[in-house]
Amino acid sequence: MELQLANKVQHHIADLLWKAKNTSEVKEIIGTYGKDAVVVFIMMMAAYYDQVDATDLAEAVINQIK
């Protein structure tokens, strides 16, 4: 998985989240880093769902609506 992150802090957060062993560790990382950690977490989850679901179809529909 490759994310387009905005800065070094977000890269560090992504590394920490990737290594987290359970939800308690994820919550601790988010509690420590705040908004940046939430953004990175959401991006990681979206990237995961993009791999397992047909989200590329949804993107095509969204682009047609725009």
PDB file of N, CA and C in Angstrom:
ATOM      1  N   MET A   1       0.846  -1.158   0.000  1.00  0.00           N
ATOM      2  CA  MET A   1       0.000   0.000   0.000  1.00  0.00           C
ATOM      3  C   MET A   1       0.903   1.235   0.000  1.00  0.00           C
ATOM      4  N   GLU A   2       0.549   2.194  -0.851  1.00  0.00           N
ATOM      5  CA  GLU A   2       1.316   3.435  -0.903  1.00  0.00           C
ATOM      6  C   GLU A   2       0.362   4.604  -0.738  1.00  0.00           C
ATOM      7  N   LEU A   3       0.610   5.394   0.283  1.00  0.00           N
ATOM      8  CA  LEU A   3      -0.222   6.566   0.546  1.00  0.00           C
ATOM      9  C   LEU A   3       0.522   7.825   0.136  1.00  0.00           C
ATOM     10  N   GLN A   4      -0.231   8.826  -0.286  1.00  0.00           N
ATOM     11  CA  GLN A   4       0.352  10.131  -0.594  1.00  0.00           C
ATOM     12  C   GLN A   4       0.153  11.014   0.634  1.00  0.00           C
ATOM     13  N   LEU A   5       1.149  11.027   1.500  1.00  0.00           N
ATOM     14  CA  LEU A   5       1.047  11.768   2.754  1.00  0.00           C
ATOM     15  C   LEU A   5       1.682  13.142   2.616  1.00  0.00           C
ATOM     16  N   ALA A   6       1.225  14.071   3.457  1.00  0.00           N
ATOM     17  CA  ALA A   6       1.586  15.484   3.304  1.00  0.00           C
ATOM     18  C   ALA A   6       2.951  15.849   3.888  1.00  0.00           C
ATOM     19  N   ASN A   7       3.406  15.113   4.909  1.00  0.00           N
ATOM     20  CA  ASN A   7       4.642  15.527   5.575  1.00  0.00           C
ATOM     21  C   ASN A   7       5.288  14.352   6.314  1.00  0.00           C
ATOM     22  N   LYS A   8       6.443  14.614   6.901  1.00  0.00           N
ATOM     23  CA  LYS A   8       7.199  13.563   7.597  1.00  0.00           C
ATOM     24  C   LYS A   8       6.472  13.059   8.833  1.00  0.00           C
ATOM     25  N   VAL A   9       5.739  13.938   9.496  1.00  0.00           N
ATOM     26  CA  VAL A   9       4.997  13.521  10.684  1.00  0.00           C
ATOM     27  C   VAL A   9       3.948  12.478  10.303  1.00  0.00           C
ATOM     28  N   GLN A  10       3.247  12.719   9.204  1.00  0.00           N
ATOM     29  CA  GLN A  10       2.241  11.750   8.761  1.00  0.00           C
ATOM     30  C   GLN A  10       2.892  10.427   8.347  1.00  0.00           C
ATOM     31  N   HIS A  11       4.067  10.475   7.767  1.00  0.00           N
ATOM     32  CA  HIS A  11       4.791   9.245   7.434  1.00  0.00           C
ATOM     33  C   HIS A  11       5.133   8.474   8.708  1.00  0.00           C
ATOM     34  N   HIS A  12       5.573   9.193   9.725  1.00  0.00           N
ATOM     35  CA  HIS A  12       5.904   8.567  11.005  1.00  0.00           C
ATOM     36  C   HIS A  12       4.655   7.934  11.625  1.00  0.00           C
ATOM     37  N   ILE A  13       3.558   8.670  11.581  1.00  0.00           N
ATOM     38  CA  ILE A  13       2.297   8.148  12.121  1.00  0.00           C
ATOM     39  C   ILE A  13       1.876   6.889  11.375  1.00  0.00           C
ATOM     40  N   ALA A  14       1.986   6.903  10.060  1.00  0.00           N
ATOM     41  CA  ALA A  14       1.622   5.722   9.269  1.00  0.00           C
ATOM     42  C   ALA A  14       2.464   4.515   9.672  1.00  0.00           C
ATOM     43  N   ASP A  15       3.743   4.734   9.889  1.00  0.00           N
ATOM     44  CA  ASP A  15       4.609   3.635  10.335  1.00  0.00           C
ATOM     45  C   ASP A  15       4.144   3.093  11.683  1.00  0.00           C
ATOM     46  N   LEU A  16       3.817   4.000  12.597  1.00  0.00           N
ATOM     47  CA  LEU A  16       3.351   3.571  13.919  1.00  0.00           C
ATOM     48  C   LEU A  16       2.040   2.802  13.820  1.00  0.00           C
ATOM     49  N   LEU A  17       1.103   3.318  13.024  1.00  0.00           N
ATOM     50  CA  LEU A  17      -0.185   2.639  12.868  1.00  0.00           C
ATOM     51  C   LEU A  17      -0.010   1.273  12.223  1.00  0.00           C
ATOM     52  N   TRP A  18       0.866   1.184  11.254  1.00  0.00           N
ATOM     53  CA  TRP A  18       1.101  -0.088  10.565  1.00  0.00           C
ATOM     54  C   TRP A  18       1.634  -1.136  11.537  1.00  0.00           C
ATOM     55  N   LYS A  19       2.461  -0.703  12.487  1.00  0.00           N
ATOM     56  CA  LYS A  19       3.068  -1.623  13.452  1.00  0.00           C
ATOM     57  C   LYS A  19       2.178  -1.901  14.662  1.00  0.00           C
ATOM     58  N   ALA A  20       1.096  -1.135  14.829  1.00  0.00           N
ATOM     59  CA  ALA A  20       0.216  -1.309  15.986  1.00  0.00           C
ATOM     60  C   ALA A  20      -0.339  -2.731  16.012  1.00  0.00           C
ATOM     61  N   LYS A  21      -0.353  -3.309  17.198  1.00  0.00           N
ATOM     62  CA  LYS A  21      -0.766  -4.702  17.352  1.00  0.00           C
ATOM     63  C   LYS A  21      -2.249  -4.852  17.697  1.00  0.00           C
ATOM     64  N   ASN A  22      -2.872  -3.778  18.169  1.00  0.00           N
ATOM     65  CA  ASN A  22      -4.280  -3.863  18.555  1.00  0.00           C
ATOM     66  C   ASN A  22      -4.915  -2.472  18.550  1.00  0.00           C
ATOM     67  N   THR A  23      -6.224  -2.443  18.784  1.00  0.00           N
ATOM     68  CA  THR A  23      -6.934  -1.165  18.735  1.00  0.00           C
ATOM     69  C   THR A  23      -6.510  -0.222  19.855  1.00  0.00           C
ATOM     70  N   SER A  24      -6.074  -0.773  20.965  1.00  0.00           N
ATOM     71  CA  SER A  24      -5.592   0.088  22.058  1.00  0.00           C
ATOM     72  C   SER A  24      -4.379   0.898  21.620  1.00  0.00           C
ATOM     73  N   GLU A  25      -3.477   0.270  20.905  1.00  0.00           N
ATOM     74  CA  GLU A  25      -2.305   0.987  20.405  1.00  0.00           C
ATOM     75  C   GLU A  25      -2.713   2.030  19.365  1.00  0.00           C
ATOM     76  N   VAL A  26      -3.661   1.685  18.504  1.00  0.00           N
ATOM     77  CA  VAL A  26      -4.146   2.640  17.502  1.00  0.00           C
ATOM     78  C   VAL A  26      -4.757   3.851  18.203  1.00  0.00           C
ATOM     79  N   LYS A  27      -5.596   3.609  19.208  1.00  0.00           N
ATOM     80  CA  LYS A  27      -6.216   4.703  19.962  1.00  0.00           C
ATOM     81  C   LYS A  27      -5.169   5.578  20.644  1.00  0.00           C
ATOM     82  N   GLU A  28      -4.131   4.960  21.162  1.00  0.00           N
ATOM     83  CA  GLU A  28      -3.062   5.712  21.822  1.00  0.00           C
ATOM     84  C   GLU A  28      -2.335   6.609  20.813  1.00  0.00           C
ATOM     85  N   ILE A  29      -2.051   6.084  19.640  1.00  0.00           N
ATOM     86  CA  ILE A  29      -1.384   6.869  18.586  1.00  0.00           C
ATOM     87  C   ILE A  29      -2.267   8.047  18.177  1.00  0.00           C
ATOM     88  N   ILE A  30      -3.555   7.782  17.991  1.00  0.00           N
ATOM     89  CA  ILE A  30      -4.475   8.852  17.611  1.00  0.00           C
ATOM     90  C   ILE A  30      -4.579   9.886  18.734  1.00  0.00           C
ATOM     91  N   GLY A  31      -4.610   9.424  19.964  1.00  0.00           N
ATOM     92  CA  GLY A  31      -4.656  10.345  21.105  1.00  0.00           C
ATOM     93  C   GLY A  31      -3.419  11.211  21.206  1.00  0.00           C
ATOM     94  N   THR A  32      -2.282  10.657  20.845  1.00  0.00           N
ATOM     95  CA  THR A  32      -1.017  11.383  20.920  1.00  0.00           C
ATOM     96  C   THR A  32      -0.866  12.381  19.787  1.00  0.00           C
ATOM     97  N   TYR A  33      -1.203  11.974  18.569  1.00  0.00           N
ATOM     98  CA  TYR A  33      -0.938  12.806  17.393  1.00  0.00           C
ATOM     99  C   TYR A  33      -2.162  13.567  16.880  1.00  0.00           C
ATOM    100  N   GLY A  34      -3.338  13.268  17.395  1.00  0.00           N
ATOM    101  CA  GLY A  34      -4.538  14.027  17.068  1.00  0.00           C
ATOM    102  C   GLY A  34      -4.974  13.952  15.616  1.00  0.00           C
ATOM    103  N   LYS A  35      -5.314  15.131  15.065  1.00  0.00           N
ATOM    104  CA  LYS A  35      -5.904  15.228  13.726  1.00  0.00           C
ATOM    105  C   LYS A  35      -5.063  14.545  12.656  1.00  0.00           C
ATOM    106  N   ASP A  36      -3.753  14.742  12.675  1.00  0.00           N
ATOM    107  CA  ASP A  36      -2.892  14.098  11.672  1.00  0.00           C
ATOM    108  C   ASP A  36      -3.047  12.584  11.711  1.00  0.00           C
ATOM    109  N   ALA A  37      -3.133  12.020  12.913  1.00  0.00           N
ATOM    110  CA  ALA A  37      -3.276  10.567  13.032  1.00  0.00           C
ATOM    111  C   ALA A  37      -4.627  10.101  12.518  1.00  0.00           C
ATOM    112  N   VAL A  38      -5.665  10.877  12.756  1.00  0.00           N
ATOM    113  CA  VAL A  38      -6.991  10.512  12.252  1.00  0.00           C
ATOM    114  C   VAL A  38      -6.976  10.507  10.725  1.00  0.00           C
ATOM    115  N   VAL A  39      -6.383  11.539  10.129  1.00  0.00           N
ATOM    116  CA  VAL A  39      -6.302  11.618   8.671  1.00  0.00           C
ATOM    117  C   VAL A  39      -5.549  10.415   8.107  1.00  0.00           C
ATOM    118  N   VAL A  40      -4.408  10.094   8.687  1.00  0.00           N
ATOM    119  CA  VAL A  40      -3.608   8.966   8.204  1.00  0.00           C
ATOM    120  C   VAL A  40      -4.378   7.660   8.375  1.00  0.00           C
ATOM    121  N   PHE A  41      -5.024   7.483   9.514  1.00  0.00           N
ATOM    122  CA  PHE A  41      -5.801   6.276   9.766  1.00  0.00           C
ATOM    123  C   PHE A  41      -6.906   6.116   8.722  1.00  0.00           C
ATOM    124  N   ILE A  42      -7.634   7.182   8.453  1.00  0.00           N
ATOM    125  CA  ILE A  42      -8.710   7.128   7.466  1.00  0.00           C
ATOM    126  C   ILE A  42      -8.146   6.806   6.081  1.00  0.00           C
ATOM    127  N   MET A  43      -7.016   7.399   5.739  1.00  0.00           N
ATOM    128  CA  MET A  43      -6.397   7.119   4.442  1.00  0.00           C
ATOM    129  C   MET A  43      -5.978   5.658   4.344  1.00  0.00           C
ATOM    130  N   MET A  44      -5.442   5.115   5.430  1.00  0.00           N
ATOM    131  CA  MET A  44      -5.028   3.712   5.430  1.00  0.00           C
ATOM    132  C   MET A  44      -6.244   2.791   5.279  1.00  0.00           C
ATOM    133  N   MET A  45      -7.330   3.117   5.981  1.00  0.00           N
ATOM    134  CA  MET A  45      -8.534   2.301   5.879  1.00  0.00           C
ATOM    135  C   MET A  45      -9.131   2.398   4.477  1.00  0.00           C
ATOM    136  N   ALA A  46      -9.138   3.589   3.911  1.00  0.00           N
ATOM    137  CA  ALA A  46      -9.666   3.763   2.554  1.00  0.00           C
ATOM    138  C   ALA A  46      -8.831   2.971   1.547  1.00  0.00           C
ATOM    139  N   ALA A  47      -7.513   2.982   1.703  1.00  0.00           N
ATOM    140  CA  ALA A  47      -6.637   2.226   0.806  1.00  0.00           C
ATOM    141  C   ALA A  47      -6.912   0.733   0.932  1.00  0.00           C
ATOM    142  N   TYR A  48      -7.142   0.275   2.157  1.00  0.00           N
ATOM    143  CA  TYR A  48      -7.459  -1.138   2.364  1.00  0.00           C
ATOM    144  C   TYR A  48      -8.769  -1.506   1.670  1.00  0.00           C
ATOM    145  N   TYR A  49      -9.814  -0.705   1.914  1.00  0.00           N
ATOM    146  CA  TYR A  49     -11.110  -0.996   1.301  1.00  0.00           C
ATOM    147  C   TYR A  49     -11.044  -0.905  -0.217  1.00  0.00           C
ATOM    148  N   ASP A  50     -10.194  -0.036  -0.703  1.00  0.00           N
ATOM    149  CA  ASP A  50     -10.028   0.087  -2.153  1.00  0.00           C
ATOM    150  C   ASP A  50      -9.475  -1.212  -2.740  1.00  0.00           C
ATOM    151  N   GLN A  51      -8.677  -1.929  -1.967  1.00  0.00           N
ATOM    152  CA  GLN A  51      -8.107  -3.188  -2.436  1.00  0.00           C
ATOM    153  C   GLN A  51      -9.116  -4.331  -2.397  1.00  0.00           C
ATOM    154  N   VAL A  52     -10.047  -4.305  -1.446  1.00  0.00           N
ATOM    155  CA  VAL A  52     -10.960  -5.442  -1.286  1.00  0.00           C
ATOM    156  C   VAL A  52     -12.338  -5.221  -1.902  1.00  0.00           C
ATOM    157  N   ASP A  53     -12.701  -3.991  -2.177  1.00  0.00           N
ATOM    158  CA  ASP A  53     -13.992  -3.685  -2.783  1.00  0.00           C
ATOM    159  C   ASP A  53     -13.787  -3.035  -4.146  1.00  0.00           C
ATOM    160  N   ALA A  54     -14.841  -2.971  -4.901  1.00  0.00           N
ATOM    161  CA  ALA A  54     -14.776  -2.369  -6.234  1.00  0.00           C
ATOM    162  C   ALA A  54     -14.994  -0.856  -6.140  1.00  0.00           C
ATOM    163  N   THR A  55     -14.149  -0.186  -5.381  1.00  0.00           N
ATOM    164  CA  THR A  55     -14.325   1.252  -5.199  1.00  0.00           C
ATOM    165  C   THR A  55     -13.960   2.038  -6.443  1.00  0.00           C
ATOM    166  N   ASP A  56     -13.235   1.435  -7.364  1.00  0.00           N
ATOM    167  CA  ASP A  56     -12.934   2.131  -8.608  1.00  0.00           C
ATOM    168  C   ASP A  56     -14.213   2.380  -9.401  1.00  0.00           C
ATOM    169  N   LEU A  57     -15.199   1.508  -9.250  1.00  0.00           N
ATOM    170  CA  LEU A  57     -16.493   1.721  -9.893  1.00  0.00           C
ATOM    171  C   LEU A  57     -17.198   2.928  -9.292  1.00  0.00           C
ATOM    172  N   ALA A  58     -17.114   3.061  -7.976  1.00  0.00           N
ATOM    173  CA  ALA A  58     -17.731   4.205  -7.309  1.00  0.00           C
ATOM    174  C   ALA A  58     -17.062   5.498  -7.741  1.00  0.00           C
ATOM    175  N   GLU A  59     -15.757   5.482  -7.908  1.00  0.00           N
ATOM    176  CA  GLU A  59     -15.046   6.671  -8.345  1.00  0.00           C
ATOM    177  C   GLU A  59     -15.504   7.101  -9.741  1.00  0.00           C
ATOM    178  N   ALA A  60     -15.747   6.157 -10.627  1.00  0.00           N
ATOM    179  CA  ALA A  60     -16.218   6.485 -11.974  1.00  0.00           C
ATOM    180  C   ALA A  60     -17.586   7.156 -11.912  1.00  0.00           C
ATOM    181  N   VAL A  61     -18.463   6.648 -11.048  1.00  0.00           N
ATOM    182  CA  VAL A  61     -19.796   7.243 -10.904  1.00  0.00           C
ATOM    183  C   VAL A  61     -19.691   8.654 -10.329  1.00  0.00           C
ATOM    184  N   ILE A  62     -18.857   8.831  -9.330  1.00  0.00           N
ATOM    185  CA  ILE A  62     -18.659  10.154  -8.739  1.00  0.00           C
ATOM    186  C   ILE A  62     -18.135  11.142  -9.765  1.00  0.00           C
ATOM    187  N   ASN A  63     -17.198  10.706 -10.580  1.00  0.00           N
ATOM    188  CA  ASN A  63     -16.651  11.589 -11.611  1.00  0.00           C
ATOM    189  C   ASN A  63     -17.703  11.957 -12.643  1.00  0.00           C
ATOM    190  N   GLN A  64     -18.610  11.036 -12.957  1.00  0.00           N
ATOM    191  CA  GLN A  64     -19.690  11.351 -13.906  1.00  0.00           C
ATOM    192  C   GLN A  64     -20.645  12.380 -13.298  1.00  0.00           C
ATOM    193  N   ILE A  65     -20.907  12.273 -12.027  1.00  0.00           N
ATOM    194  CA  ILE A  65     -21.812  13.208 -11.358  1.00  0.00           C
ATOM    195  C   ILE A  65     -21.195  14.610 -11.305  1.00  0.00           C
ATOM    196  N   LYS A  66     -19.898  14.669 -11.092  1.00  0.00           N
ATOM    197  CA  LYS A  66     -19.218  15.971 -11.044  1.00  0.00           C
ATOM    198  C   LYS A  66     -19.358  16.653 -12.369  1.00  0.00           C
TER     199      LYS A  66
END
